[in-house]
Amino acid sequence: MATNYKEGLSRIQPHTWKIAFIFAFLALLVDGADLMLLSYSLNS
């Protein structure tokens, strides 16, 4: 079972990992900007 998992991971190209990490970073950046905008828009 563990060998099948490692074989599946080795099939993923390194370029795909870079795209995934960049997409996750941009998603967190947008989430932080949204939270900052929300905190500035609150009156209390």
C-alpha atoms as a PDB file:
ATOM      1  CA  MET A   1       0.000   0.000   0.000  1.00  0.00           C
ATOM      2  CA  ALA A   2       2.802   2.433   0.852  1.00  0.00           C
ATOM      3  CA  THR A   3       4.630   1.708  -2.403  1.00  0.00           C
ATOM      4  CA  ASN A   4       1.555   2.662  -4.426  1.00  0.00           C
ATOM      5  CA  TYR A   5       1.386   5.973  -2.569  1.00  0.00           C
ATOM      6  CA  LYS A   6       5.033   6.744  -3.331  1.00  0.00           C
ATOM      7  CA  GLU A   7       4.607   5.779  -6.972  1.00  0.00           C
ATOM      8  CA  GLY A   8       1.629   8.124  -7.241  1.00  0.00           C
ATOM      9  CA  LEU A   9       3.620  10.984  -5.742  1.00  0.00           C
ATOM     10  CA  SER A  10       6.556  10.422  -8.078  1.00  0.00           C
ATOM     11  CA  ARG A  11       4.246  10.763 -11.090  1.00  0.00           C
ATOM     12  CA  ILE A  12       3.439  14.376 -10.163  1.00  0.00           C
ATOM     13  CA  GLN A  13       5.783  16.737 -11.990  1.00  0.00           C
ATOM     14  CA  PRO A  14       7.806  19.312  -9.998  1.00  0.00           C
ATOM     15  CA  HIS A  15       6.239  22.036 -12.148  1.00  0.00           C
ATOM     16  CA  THR A  16       2.816  21.033 -10.790  1.00  0.00           C
ATOM     17  CA  TRP A  17       4.057  21.446  -7.207  1.00  0.00           C
ATOM     18  CA  LYS A  18       5.293  24.970  -8.016  1.00  0.00           C
ATOM     19  CA  ILE A  19       1.930  25.949  -9.491  1.00  0.00           C
ATOM     20  CA  ALA A  20       0.111  24.520  -6.463  1.00  0.00           C
ATOM     21  CA  PHE A  21       2.287  26.410  -3.968  1.00  0.00           C
ATOM     22  CA  ILE A  22       1.977  29.679  -5.917  1.00  0.00           C
ATOM     23  CA  PHE A  23      -1.803  29.269  -6.081  1.00  0.00           C
ATOM     24  CA  ALA A  24      -1.986  28.585  -2.322  1.00  0.00           C
ATOM     25  CA  PHE A  25       0.210  31.626  -1.595  1.00  0.00           C
ATOM     26  CA  LEU A  26      -1.987  33.879  -3.724  1.00  0.00           C
ATOM     27  CA  ALA A  27      -5.121  32.506  -2.054  1.00  0.00           C
ATOM     28  CA  LEU A  28      -3.699  33.293   1.397  1.00  0.00           C
ATOM     29  CA  LEU A  29      -2.666  36.763   0.208  1.00  0.00           C
ATOM     30  CA  VAL A  30      -6.184  37.510  -1.053  1.00  0.00           C
ATOM     31  CA  ASP A  31      -7.661  36.123   2.178  1.00  0.00           C
ATOM     32  CA  GLY A  32      -5.419  38.402   4.253  1.00  0.00           C
ATOM     33  CA  ALA A  33      -6.323  41.440   2.155  1.00  0.00           C
ATOM     34  CA  ASP A  34     -10.014  40.603   2.530  1.00  0.00           C
ATOM     35  CA  LEU A  35      -9.643  40.328   6.306  1.00  0.00           C
ATOM     36  CA  MET A  36      -7.775  43.652   6.443  1.00  0.00           C
ATOM     37  CA  LEU A  37     -10.467  45.338   4.346  1.00  0.00           C
ATOM     38  CA  LEU A  38     -13.163  43.901   6.609  1.00  0.00           C
ATOM     39  CA  SER A  39     -11.401  45.137   9.750  1.00  0.00           C
ATOM     40  CA  TYR A  40     -11.125  48.659   8.312  1.00  0.00           C
ATOM     41  CA  SER A  41     -14.772  48.723   7.238  1.00  0.00           C
ATOM     42  CA  LEU A  42     -16.153  47.890  10.699  1.00  0.00           C
ATOM     43  CA  ASN A  43     -17.323  50.875  12.710  1.00  0.00           C
ATOM     44  CA  SER A  44     -16.793  49.549  16.226  1.00  0.00           C
END
